[in-house]
Amino acid sequence: MLYIIYQEDRADGAAIRAATRDSHFAYLDKNNDILVLGGALLADDDATRTGSVLIVNVPNRAAAESFSENEPFRKAGLFSAVKISRMRRGQWNPDAAPKSAEGN
């Protein structure tokens, strides 16, 4: 089952994000068997991170909650809000994805 995890950073979270970045990426690498898509939310200035979105393929909500609760950014207190919703894969067109990580 697909779950989307939408996480908004605290206004004062930039230092937490920077300090936890390496462990965050290590956690995602460790769980790459369930991670469908992940990326930072960006402010309109194209540089400021305002949160992140992760889409995971797990057996149930409890697994999605566990994945989220153990994610280093969340454990460090980076987020002001976390929302987890089950989703259904509708259209799927990876060829339409941007060529760069920043979406250019």
PDB file of N, CA and C in Angstrom:
ATOM      1  N   MET A   1       0.839  -1.170   0.000  1.00  0.00           N
ATOM      2  CA  MET A   1       0.000   0.000   0.000  1.00  0.00           C
ATOM      3  C   MET A   1       0.885   1.235   0.000  1.00  0.00           C
ATOM      4  N   LEU A   2       0.450   2.215  -0.733  1.00  0.00           N
ATOM      5  CA  LEU A   2       1.190   3.476  -0.787  1.00  0.00           C
ATOM      6  C   LEU A   2       0.694   4.433   0.284  1.00  0.00           C
ATOM      7  N   TYR A   3       1.649   5.084   0.939  1.00  0.00           N
ATOM      8  CA  TYR A   3       1.352   6.141   1.900  1.00  0.00           C
ATOM      9  C   TYR A   3       2.220   7.345   1.558  1.00  0.00           C
ATOM     10  N   ILE A   4       1.608   8.515   1.610  1.00  0.00           N
ATOM     11  CA  ILE A   4       2.355   9.753   1.423  1.00  0.00           C
ATOM     12  C   ILE A   4       2.536  10.381   2.807  1.00  0.00           C
ATOM     13  N   ILE A   5       3.769  10.775   3.079  1.00  0.00           N
ATOM     14  CA  ILE A   5       4.113  11.389   4.360  1.00  0.00           C
ATOM     15  C   ILE A   5       4.518  12.827   4.057  1.00  0.00           C
ATOM     16  N   TYR A   6       3.692  13.763   4.491  1.00  0.00           N
ATOM     17  CA  TYR A   6       3.885  15.186   4.213  1.00  0.00           C
ATOM     18  C   TYR A   6       4.324  15.854   5.505  1.00  0.00           C
ATOM     19  N   GLN A   7       5.511  16.452   5.499  1.00  0.00           N
ATOM     20  CA  GLN A   7       6.119  16.971   6.718  1.00  0.00           C
ATOM     21  C   GLN A   7       6.519  18.424   6.520  1.00  0.00           C
ATOM     22  N   GLU A   8       6.050  19.299   7.406  1.00  0.00           N
ATOM     23  CA  GLU A   8       6.386  20.716   7.330  1.00  0.00           C
ATOM     24  C   GLU A   8       7.418  21.050   8.400  1.00  0.00           C
ATOM     25  N   ASP A   9       8.498  21.728   7.982  1.00  0.00           N
ATOM     26  CA  ASP A   9       9.553  22.121   8.917  1.00  0.00           C
ATOM     27  C   ASP A   9       9.065  23.188   9.889  1.00  0.00           C
ATOM     28  N   ARG A  10       9.649  23.173  11.082  1.00  0.00           N
ATOM     29  CA  ARG A  10       9.480  24.284  12.010  1.00  0.00           C
ATOM     30  C   ARG A  10      10.153  25.510  11.398  1.00  0.00           C
ATOM     31  N   ALA A  11       9.658  26.677  11.733  1.00  0.00           N
ATOM     32  CA  ALA A  11      10.240  27.922  11.208  1.00  0.00           C
ATOM     33  C   ALA A  11      11.706  28.059  11.589  1.00  0.00           C
ATOM     34  N   ASP A  12      12.091  27.529  12.745  1.00  0.00           N
ATOM     35  CA  ASP A  12      13.475  27.614  13.200  1.00  0.00           C
ATOM     36  C   ASP A  12      14.246  26.306  12.983  1.00  0.00           C
ATOM     37  N   GLY A  13      13.838  25.526  11.980  1.00  0.00           N
ATOM     38  CA  GLY A  13      14.389  24.185  11.812  1.00  0.00           C
ATOM     39  C   GLY A  13      15.613  24.041  10.930  1.00  0.00           C
ATOM     40  N   ALA A  14      16.116  25.119  10.336  1.00  0.00           N
ATOM     41  CA  ALA A  14      17.240  24.994   9.392  1.00  0.00           C
ATOM     42  C   ALA A  14      18.463  24.338  10.029  1.00  0.00           C
ATOM     43  N   ALA A  15      18.773  24.683  11.252  1.00  0.00           N
ATOM     44  CA  ALA A  15      19.945  24.095  11.917  1.00  0.00           C
ATOM     45  C   ALA A  15      19.733  22.611  12.189  1.00  0.00           C
ATOM     46  N   ILE A  16      18.499  22.228  12.557  1.00  0.00           N
ATOM     47  CA  ILE A  16      18.198  20.811  12.777  1.00  0.00           C
ATOM     48  C   ILE A  16      18.353  20.044  11.468  1.00  0.00           C
ATOM     49  N   ARG A  17      17.824  20.606  10.392  1.00  0.00           N
ATOM     50  CA  ARG A  17      17.926  19.951   9.081  1.00  0.00           C
ATOM     51  C   ARG A  17      19.390  19.750   8.707  1.00  0.00           C
ATOM     52  N   ALA A  18      20.206  20.776   8.884  1.00  0.00           N
ATOM     53  CA  ALA A  18      21.628  20.677   8.524  1.00  0.00           C
ATOM     54  C   ALA A  18      22.350  19.642   9.383  1.00  0.00           C
ATOM     55  N   ALA A  19      22.068  19.623  10.671  1.00  0.00           N
ATOM     56  CA  ALA A  19      22.764  18.721  11.588  1.00  0.00           C
ATOM     57  C   ALA A  19      22.349  17.262  11.403  1.00  0.00           C
ATOM     58  N   THR A  20      21.162  17.034  10.861  1.00  0.00           N
ATOM     59  CA  THR A  20      20.611  15.687  10.768  1.00  0.00           C
ATOM     60  C   THR A  20      20.621  15.150   9.338  1.00  0.00           C
ATOM     61  N   ARG A  21      21.076  15.944   8.411  1.00  0.00           N
ATOM     62  CA  ARG A  21      21.010  15.605   6.985  1.00  0.00           C
ATOM     63  C   ARG A  21      21.637  14.248   6.665  1.00  0.00           C
ATOM     64  N   ASP A  22      22.851  13.995   7.144  1.00  0.00           N
ATOM     65  CA  ASP A  22      23.538  12.745   6.807  1.00  0.00           C
ATOM     66  C   ASP A  22      22.783  11.523   7.338  1.00  0.00           C
ATOM     67  N   SER A  23      22.290  11.597   8.571  1.00  0.00           N
ATOM     68  CA  SER A  23      21.558  10.450   9.118  1.00  0.00           C
ATOM     69  C   SER A  23      20.212  10.275   8.411  1.00  0.00           C
ATOM     70  N   HIS A  24      19.609  11.370   7.971  1.00  0.00           N
ATOM     71  CA  HIS A  24      18.370  11.304   7.184  1.00  0.00           C
ATOM     72  C   HIS A  24      18.608  10.519   5.900  1.00  0.00           C
ATOM     73  N   PHE A  25      19.655  10.885   5.155  1.00  0.00           N
ATOM     74  CA  PHE A  25      19.934  10.176   3.900  1.00  0.00           C
ATOM     75  C   PHE A  25      20.346   8.730   4.139  1.00  0.00           C
ATOM     76  N   ALA A  26      21.060   8.450   5.207  1.00  0.00           N
ATOM     77  CA  ALA A  26      21.422   7.068   5.535  1.00  0.00           C
ATOM     78  C   ALA A  26      20.163   6.244   5.827  1.00  0.00           C
ATOM     79  N   TYR A  27      19.205   6.853   6.518  1.00  0.00           N
ATOM     80  CA  TYR A  27      17.945   6.169   6.825  1.00  0.00           C
ATOM     81  C   TYR A  27      17.175   5.875   5.539  1.00  0.00           C
ATOM     82  N   LEU A  28      17.129   6.835   4.626  1.00  0.00           N
ATOM     83  CA  LEU A  28      16.436   6.606   3.362  1.00  0.00           C
ATOM     84  C   LEU A  28      17.131   5.514   2.561  1.00  0.00           C
ATOM     85  N   ASP A  29      18.461   5.517   2.528  1.00  0.00           N
ATOM     86  CA  ASP A  29      19.207   4.467   1.827  1.00  0.00           C
ATOM     87  C   ASP A  29      18.916   3.098   2.432  1.00  0.00           C
ATOM     88  N   LYS A  30      18.878   3.025   3.757  1.00  0.00           N
ATOM     89  CA  LYS A  30      18.608   1.769   4.460  1.00  0.00           C
ATOM     90  C   LYS A  30      17.214   1.234   4.127  1.00  0.00           C
ATOM     91  N   ASN A  31      16.291   2.144   3.835  1.00  0.00           N
ATOM     92  CA  ASN A  31      14.902   1.772   3.548  1.00  0.00           C
ATOM     93  C   ASN A  31      14.531   1.936   2.075  1.00  0.00           C
ATOM     94  N   ASN A  32      15.517   1.863   1.193  1.00  0.00           N
ATOM     95  CA  ASN A  32      15.227   2.098  -0.228  1.00  0.00           C
ATOM     96  C   ASN A  32      14.312   1.036  -0.836  1.00  0.00           C
ATOM     97  N   ASP A  33      14.128  -0.089  -0.153  1.00  0.00           N
ATOM     98  CA  ASP A  33      13.226  -1.116  -0.662  1.00  0.00           C
ATOM     99  C   ASP A  33      11.752  -0.720  -0.539  1.00  0.00           C
ATOM    100  N   ILE A  34      11.447   0.283   0.295  1.00  0.00           N
ATOM    101  CA  ILE A  34      10.056   0.738   0.442  1.00  0.00           C
ATOM    102  C   ILE A  34       9.856   2.182  -0.028  1.00  0.00           C
ATOM    103  N   LEU A  35      10.945   2.902  -0.254  1.00  0.00           N
ATOM    104  CA  LEU A  35      10.841   4.315  -0.638  1.00  0.00           C
ATOM    105  C   LEU A  35      10.574   4.434  -2.134  1.00  0.00           C
ATOM    106  N   VAL A  36       9.404   4.947  -2.469  1.00  0.00           N
ATOM    107  CA  VAL A  36       9.012   5.124  -3.865  1.00  0.00           C
ATOM    108  C   VAL A  36       9.511   6.467  -4.391  1.00  0.00           C
ATOM    109  N   LEU A  37       9.354   7.506  -3.581  1.00  0.00           N
ATOM    110  CA  LEU A  37       9.737   8.858  -3.984  1.00  0.00           C
ATOM    111  C   LEU A  37       9.943   9.689  -2.728  1.00  0.00           C
ATOM    112  N   GLY A  38      10.918  10.542  -2.760  1.00  0.00           N
ATOM    113  CA  GLY A  38      11.143  11.440  -1.640  1.00  0.00           C
ATOM    114  C   GLY A  38      11.786  12.718  -2.124  1.00  0.00           C
ATOM    115  N   GLY A  39      11.512  13.799  -1.426  1.00  0.00           N
ATOM    116  CA  GLY A  39      12.144  15.057  -1.783  1.00  0.00           C
ATOM    117  C   GLY A  39      11.761  16.165  -0.824  1.00  0.00           C
ATOM    118  N   ALA A  40      12.575  17.203  -0.841  1.00  0.00           N
ATOM    119  CA  ALA A  40      12.337  18.369   0.007  1.00  0.00           C
ATOM    120  C   ALA A  40      11.267  19.254  -0.599  1.00  0.00           C
ATOM    121  N   LEU A  41      10.501  19.899   0.264  1.00  0.00           N
ATOM    122  CA  LEU A  41       9.602  20.962  -0.165  1.00  0.00           C
ATOM    123  C   LEU A  41      10.423  22.242  -0.199  1.00  0.00           C
ATOM    124  N   LEU A  42      10.218  23.046  -1.218  1.00  0.00           N
ATOM    125  CA  LEU A  42      11.008  24.261  -1.405  1.00  0.00           C
ATOM    126  C   LEU A  42      10.140  25.508  -1.357  1.00  0.00           C
ATOM    127  N   ALA A  43      10.701  26.569  -0.802  1.00  0.00           N
ATOM    128  CA  ALA A  43      10.070  27.888  -0.877  1.00  0.00           C
ATOM    129  C   ALA A  43      10.232  28.408  -2.309  1.00  0.00           C
ATOM    130  N   ASP A  44       9.535  29.459  -2.623  1.00  0.00           N
ATOM    131  CA  ASP A  44       9.593  30.009  -3.974  1.00  0.00           C
ATOM    132  C   ASP A  44      10.966  30.552  -4.352  1.00  0.00           C
ATOM    133  N   ASP A  45      11.862  30.709  -3.368  1.00  0.00           N
ATOM    134  CA  ASP A  45      13.212  31.175  -3.696  1.00  0.00           C
ATOM    135  C   ASP A  45      14.088  30.053  -4.264  1.00  0.00           C
ATOM    136  N   ASP A  46      13.538  28.845  -4.382  1.00  0.00           N
ATOM    137  CA  ASP A  46      14.224  27.670  -4.930  1.00  0.00           C
ATOM    138  C   ASP A  46      15.380  27.179  -4.068  1.00  0.00           C
ATOM    139  N   ALA A  47      15.563  27.707  -2.889  1.00  0.00           N
ATOM    140  CA  ALA A  47      16.684  27.291  -2.048  1.00  0.00           C
ATOM    141  C   ALA A  47      16.260  26.865  -0.652  1.00  0.00           C
ATOM    142  N   THR A  48      15.313  27.569  -0.070  1.00  0.00           N
ATOM    143  CA  THR A  48      14.910  27.307   1.302  1.00  0.00           C
ATOM    144  C   THR A  48      14.047  26.055   1.371  1.00  0.00           C
ATOM    145  N   ARG A  49      14.480  25.104   2.211  1.00  0.00           N
ATOM    146  CA  ARG A  49      13.701  23.890   2.438  1.00  0.00           C
ATOM    147  C   ARG A  49      12.620  24.211   3.472  1.00  0.00           C
ATOM    148  N   THR A  50      11.389  23.787   3.172  1.00  0.00           N
ATOM    149  CA  THR A  50      10.274  24.068   4.077  1.00  0.00           C
ATOM    150  C   THR A  50       9.637  22.796   4.624  1.00  0.00           C
ATOM    151  N   GLY A  51      10.134  21.652   4.204  1.00  0.00           N
ATOM    152  CA  GLY A  51       9.582  20.379   4.646  1.00  0.00           C
ATOM    153  C   GLY A  51      10.034  19.277   3.708  1.00  0.00           C
ATOM    154  N   SER A  52       9.324  18.176   3.743  1.00  0.00           N
ATOM    155  CA  SER A  52       9.630  17.083   2.833  1.00  0.00           C
ATOM    156  C   SER A  52       8.405  16.212   2.615  1.00  0.00           C
ATOM    157  N   VAL A  53       8.459  15.471   1.525  1.00  0.00           N
ATOM    158  CA  VAL A  53       7.416  14.516   1.173  1.00  0.00           C
ATOM    159  C   VAL A  53       8.094  13.191   0.881  1.00  0.00           C
ATOM    160  N   LEU A  54       7.535  12.140   1.454  1.00  0.00           N
ATOM    161  CA  LEU A  54       8.017  10.794   1.197  1.00  0.00           C
ATOM    162  C   LEU A  54       6.818   9.944   0.800  1.00  0.00           C
ATOM    163  N   ILE A  55       6.986   9.129  -0.225  1.00  0.00           N
ATOM    164  CA  ILE A  55       5.967   8.146  -0.583  1.00  0.00           C
ATOM    165  C   ILE A  55       6.593   6.784  -0.366  1.00  0.00           C
ATOM    166  N   VAL A  56       5.934   5.980   0.480  1.00  0.00           N
ATOM    167  CA  VAL A  56       6.454   4.658   0.813  1.00  0.00           C
ATOM    168  C   VAL A  56       5.436   3.591   0.440  1.00  0.00           C
ATOM    169  N   ASN A  57       5.951   2.412   0.135  1.00  0.00           N
ATOM    170  CA  ASN A  57       5.129   1.252  -0.189  1.00  0.00           C
ATOM    171  C   ASN A  57       5.313   0.248   0.944  1.00  0.00           C
ATOM    172  N   VAL A  58       4.340   0.204   1.838  1.00  0.00           N
ATOM    173  CA  VAL A  58       4.407  -0.630   3.038  1.00  0.00           C
ATOM    174  C   VAL A  58       3.093  -1.403   3.193  1.00  0.00           C
ATOM    175  N   PRO A  59       3.078  -2.431   4.031  1.00  0.00           N
ATOM    176  CA  PRO A  59       1.884  -3.267   4.134  1.00  0.00           C
ATOM    177  C   PRO A  59       0.670  -2.616   4.795  1.00  0.00           C
ATOM    178  N   ASN A  60       0.896  -1.594   5.659  1.00  0.00           N
ATOM    179  CA  ASN A  60      -0.234  -1.032   6.395  1.00  0.00           C
ATOM    180  C   ASN A  60       0.154   0.311   7.028  1.00  0.00           C
ATOM    181  N   ARG A  61      -0.836   0.977   7.621  1.00  0.00           N
ATOM    182  CA  ARG A  61      -0.608   2.281   8.245  1.00  0.00           C
ATOM    183  C   ARG A  61       0.414   2.190   9.376  1.00  0.00           C
ATOM    184  N   ALA A  62       0.377   1.114  10.150  1.00  0.00           N
ATOM    185  CA  ALA A  62       1.317   0.977  11.261  1.00  0.00           C
ATOM    186  C   ALA A  62       2.756   0.998  10.748  1.00  0.00           C
ATOM    187  N   ALA A  63       3.014   0.377   9.618  1.00  0.00           N
ATOM    188  CA  ALA A  63       4.365   0.382   9.038  1.00  0.00           C
ATOM    189  C   ALA A  63       4.739   1.777   8.556  1.00  0.00           C
ATOM    190  N   ALA A  64       3.781   2.507   7.977  1.00  0.00           N
ATOM    191  CA  ALA A  64       4.051   3.882   7.532  1.00  0.00           C
ATOM    192  C   ALA A  64       4.338   4.778   8.735  1.00  0.00           C
ATOM    193  N   GLU A  65       3.548   4.619   9.799  1.00  0.00           N
ATOM    194  CA  GLU A  65       3.763   5.403  11.020  1.00  0.00           C
ATOM    195  C   GLU A  65       5.134   5.094  11.623  1.00  0.00           C
ATOM    196  N   SER A  66       5.510   3.826  11.665  1.00  0.00           N
ATOM    197  CA  SER A  66       6.799   3.428  12.223  1.00  0.00           C
ATOM    198  C   SER A  66       7.951   3.999  11.409  1.00  0.00           C
ATOM    199  N   PHE A  67       7.841   3.914  10.085  1.00  0.00           N
ATOM    200  CA  PHE A  67       8.865   4.482   9.217  1.00  0.00           C
ATOM    201  C   PHE A  67       9.027   5.977   9.511  1.00  0.00           C
ATOM    202  N   SER A  68       7.911   6.689   9.602  1.00  0.00           N
ATOM    203  CA  SER A  68       7.938   8.128   9.840  1.00  0.00           C
ATOM    204  C   SER A  68       8.500   8.458  11.222  1.00  0.00           C
ATOM    205  N   GLU A  69       8.049   7.747  12.234  1.00  0.00           N
ATOM    206  CA  GLU A  69       8.489   8.034  13.606  1.00  0.00           C
ATOM    207  C   GLU A  69       9.984   7.803  13.799  1.00  0.00           C
ATOM    208  N   ASN A  70      10.570   6.904  13.009  1.00  0.00           N
ATOM    209  CA  ASN A  70      11.994   6.589  13.134  1.00  0.00           C
ATOM    210  C   ASN A  70      12.877   7.383  12.181  1.00  0.00           C
ATOM    211  N   GLU A  71      12.279   8.210  11.350  1.00  0.00           N
ATOM    212  CA  GLU A  71      13.040   9.021  10.399  1.00  0.00           C
ATOM    213  C   GLU A  71      13.822  10.082  11.191  1.00  0.00           C
ATOM    214  N   PRO A  72      15.123  10.220  10.951  1.00  0.00           N
ATOM    215  CA  PRO A  72      15.960  11.108  11.760  1.00  0.00           C
ATOM    216  C   PRO A  72      15.498  12.558  11.846  1.00  0.00           C
ATOM    217  N   PHE A  73      15.006  13.143  10.766  1.00  0.00           N
ATOM    218  CA  PHE A  73      14.509  14.519  10.851  1.00  0.00           C
ATOM    219  C   PHE A  73      13.376  14.602  11.869  1.00  0.00           C
ATOM    220  N   ARG A  74      12.461  13.655  11.804  1.00  0.00           N
ATOM    221  CA  ARG A  74      11.321  13.682  12.733  1.00  0.00           C
ATOM    222  C   ARG A  74      11.785  13.433  14.162  1.00  0.00           C
ATOM    223  N   LYS A  75      12.663  12.470  14.358  1.00  0.00           N
ATOM    224  CA  LYS A  75      13.163  12.178  15.699  1.00  0.00           C
ATOM    225  C   LYS A  75      13.887  13.384  16.300  1.00  0.00           C
ATOM    226  N   ALA A  76      14.519  14.191  15.453  1.00  0.00           N
ATOM    227  CA  ALA A  76      15.250  15.370  15.926  1.00  0.00           C
ATOM    228  C   ALA A  76      14.330  16.556  16.195  1.00  0.00           C
ATOM    229  N   GLY A  77      13.043  16.433  15.863  1.00  0.00           N
ATOM    230  CA  GLY A  77      12.095  17.509  16.136  1.00  0.00           C
ATOM    231  C   GLY A  77      12.021  18.576  15.055  1.00  0.00           C
ATOM    232  N   LEU A  78      12.409  18.231  13.824  1.00  0.00           N
ATOM    233  CA  LEU A  78      12.420  19.220  12.742  1.00  0.00           C
ATOM    234  C   LEU A  78      11.026  19.687  12.338  1.00  0.00           C
ATOM    235  N   PHE A  79      10.042  18.819  12.425  1.00  0.00           N
ATOM    236  CA  PHE A  79       8.751  19.123  11.817  1.00  0.00           C
ATOM    237  C   PHE A  79       7.749  19.759  12.781  1.00  0.00           C
ATOM    238  N   SER A  80       7.016  20.741  12.260  1.00  0.00           N
ATOM    239  CA  SER A  80       5.912  21.332  13.017  1.00  0.00           C
ATOM    240  C   SER A  80       4.633  20.547  12.779  1.00  0.00           C
ATOM    241  N   ALA A  81       4.576  19.837  11.662  1.00  0.00           N
ATOM    242  CA  ALA A  81       3.390  19.042  11.340  1.00  0.00           C
ATOM    243  C   ALA A  81       3.804  17.863  10.465  1.00  0.00           C
ATOM    244  N   VAL A  82       3.162  16.729  10.706  1.00  0.00           N
ATOM    245  CA  VAL A  82       3.354  15.522   9.898  1.00  0.00           C
ATOM    246  C   VAL A  82       1.971  14.968   9.594  1.00  0.00           C
ATOM    247  N   LYS A  83       1.715  14.703   8.320  1.00  0.00           N
ATOM    248  CA  LYS A  83       0.448  14.096   7.920  1.00  0.00           C
ATOM    249  C   LYS A  83       0.753  12.863   7.091  1.00  0.00           C
ATOM    250  N   ILE A  84       0.133  11.756   7.431  1.00  0.00           N
ATOM    251  CA  ILE A  84       0.317  10.498   6.712  1.00  0.00           C
ATOM    252  C   ILE A  84      -1.028  10.087   6.148  1.00  0.00           C
ATOM    253  N   SER A  85      -1.072   9.885   4.839  1.00  0.00           N
ATOM    254  CA  SER A  85      -2.316   9.509   4.170  1.00  0.00           C
ATOM    255  C   SER A  85      -2.063   8.348   3.219  1.00  0.00           C
ATOM    256  N   ARG A  86      -3.001   7.430   3.212  1.00  0.00           N
ATOM    257  CA  ARG A  86      -2.934   6.355   2.229  1.00  0.00           C
ATOM    258  C   ARG A  86      -3.300   6.953   0.875  1.00  0.00           C
ATOM    259  N   MET A  87      -2.663   6.442  -0.153  1.00  0.00           N
ATOM    260  CA  MET A  87      -2.964   6.938  -1.495  1.00  0.00           C
ATOM    261  C   MET A  87      -3.065   5.772  -2.463  1.00  0.00           C
ATOM    262  N   ARG A  88      -3.702   6.027  -3.555  1.00  0.00           N
ATOM    263  CA  ARG A  88      -3.813   5.058  -4.637  1.00  0.00           C
ATOM    264  C   ARG A  88      -2.995   5.574  -5.798  1.00  0.00           C
ATOM    265  N   ARG A  89      -2.173   4.698  -6.364  1.00  0.00           N
ATOM    266  CA  ARG A  89      -1.416   5.121  -7.542  1.00  0.00           C
ATOM    267  C   ARG A  89      -2.383   5.241  -8.711  1.00  0.00           C
ATOM    268  N   GLY A  90      -2.457   6.435  -9.239  1.00  0.00           N
ATOM    269  CA  GLY A  90      -3.279   6.691 -10.413  1.00  0.00           C
ATOM    270  C   GLY A  90      -2.371   6.748 -11.635  1.00  0.00           C
ATOM    271  N   GLN A  91      -2.249   7.918 -12.185  1.00  0.00           N
ATOM    272  CA  GLN A  91      -1.369   8.092 -13.329  1.00  0.00           C
ATOM    273  C   GLN A  91       0.077   7.899 -12.877  1.00  0.00           C
ATOM    274  N   TRP A  92       0.865   7.335 -13.740  1.00  0.00           N
ATOM    275  CA  TRP A  92       2.275   7.072 -13.443  1.00  0.00           C
ATOM    276  C   TRP A  92       3.061   7.390 -14.696  1.00  0.00           C
ATOM    277  N   ASN A  93       3.838   8.463 -14.656  1.00  0.00           N
ATOM    278  CA  ASN A  93       4.576   8.885 -15.835  1.00  0.00           C
ATOM    279  C   ASN A  93       5.954   9.390 -15.424  1.00  0.00           C
ATOM    280  N   PRO A  94       6.876   8.481 -15.083  1.00  0.00           N
ATOM    281  CA  PRO A  94       8.200   8.931 -14.658  1.00  0.00           C
ATOM    282  C   PRO A  94       8.957   9.701 -15.739  1.00  0.00           C
ATOM    283  N   ASP A  95       8.582   9.530 -17.008  1.00  0.00           N
ATOM    284  CA  ASP A  95       9.248  10.282 -18.075  1.00  0.00           C
ATOM    285  C   ASP A  95       8.956  11.779 -17.995  1.00  0.00           C
ATOM    286  N   ALA A  96       7.866  12.155 -17.323  1.00  0.00           N
ATOM    287  CA  ALA A  96       7.515  13.572 -17.192  1.00  0.00           C
ATOM    288  C   ALA A  96       8.247  14.234 -16.013  1.00  0.00           C
ATOM    289  N   ALA A  97       8.969  13.448 -15.230  1.00  0.00           N
ATOM    290  CA  ALA A  97       9.686  14.011 -14.085  1.00  0.00           C
ATOM    291  C   ALA A  97      10.809  14.914 -14.562  1.00  0.00           C
ATOM    292  N   PRO A  98      11.139  15.947 -13.782  1.00  0.00           N
ATOM    293  CA  PRO A  98      12.244  16.838 -14.184  1.00  0.00           C
ATOM    294  C   PRO A  98      13.563  16.090 -14.188  1.00  0.00           C
ATOM    295  N   LYS A  99      14.488  16.576 -14.970  1.00  0.00           N
ATOM    296  CA  LYS A  99      15.793  15.924 -15.114  1.00  0.00           C
ATOM    297  C   LYS A  99      16.731  16.219 -13.949  1.00  0.00           C
ATOM    298  N   SER A 100      16.507  17.326 -13.236  1.00  0.00           N
ATOM    299  CA  SER A 100      17.368  17.665 -12.106  1.00  0.00           C
ATOM    300  C   SER A 100      16.604  17.513 -10.798  1.00  0.00           C
ATOM    301  N   ALA A 101      17.343  17.350  -9.717  1.00  0.00           N
ATOM    302  CA  ALA A 101      16.724  17.199  -8.405  1.00  0.00           C
ATOM    303  C   ALA A 101      15.937  18.444  -8.004  1.00  0.00           C
ATOM    304  N   GLU A 102      16.372  19.612  -8.448  1.00  0.00           N
ATOM    305  CA  GLU A 102      15.707  20.860  -8.092  1.00  0.00           C
ATOM    306  C   GLU A 102      14.511  21.162  -8.982  1.00  0.00           C
ATOM    307  N   GLY A 103      14.245  20.301  -9.951  1.00  0.00           N
ATOM    308  CA  GLY A 103      13.047  20.452 -10.780  1.00  0.00           C
ATOM    309  C   GLY A 103      13.200  21.367 -11.979  1.00  0.00           C
ATOM    310  N   ASN A 104      14.431  21.652 -12.372  1.00  0.00           N
ATOM    311  CA  ASN A 104      14.660  22.519 -13.523  1.00  0.00           C
ATOM    312  C   ASN A 104      14.598  21.741 -14.819  1.00  0.00           C
TER     313      ASN A 104
END
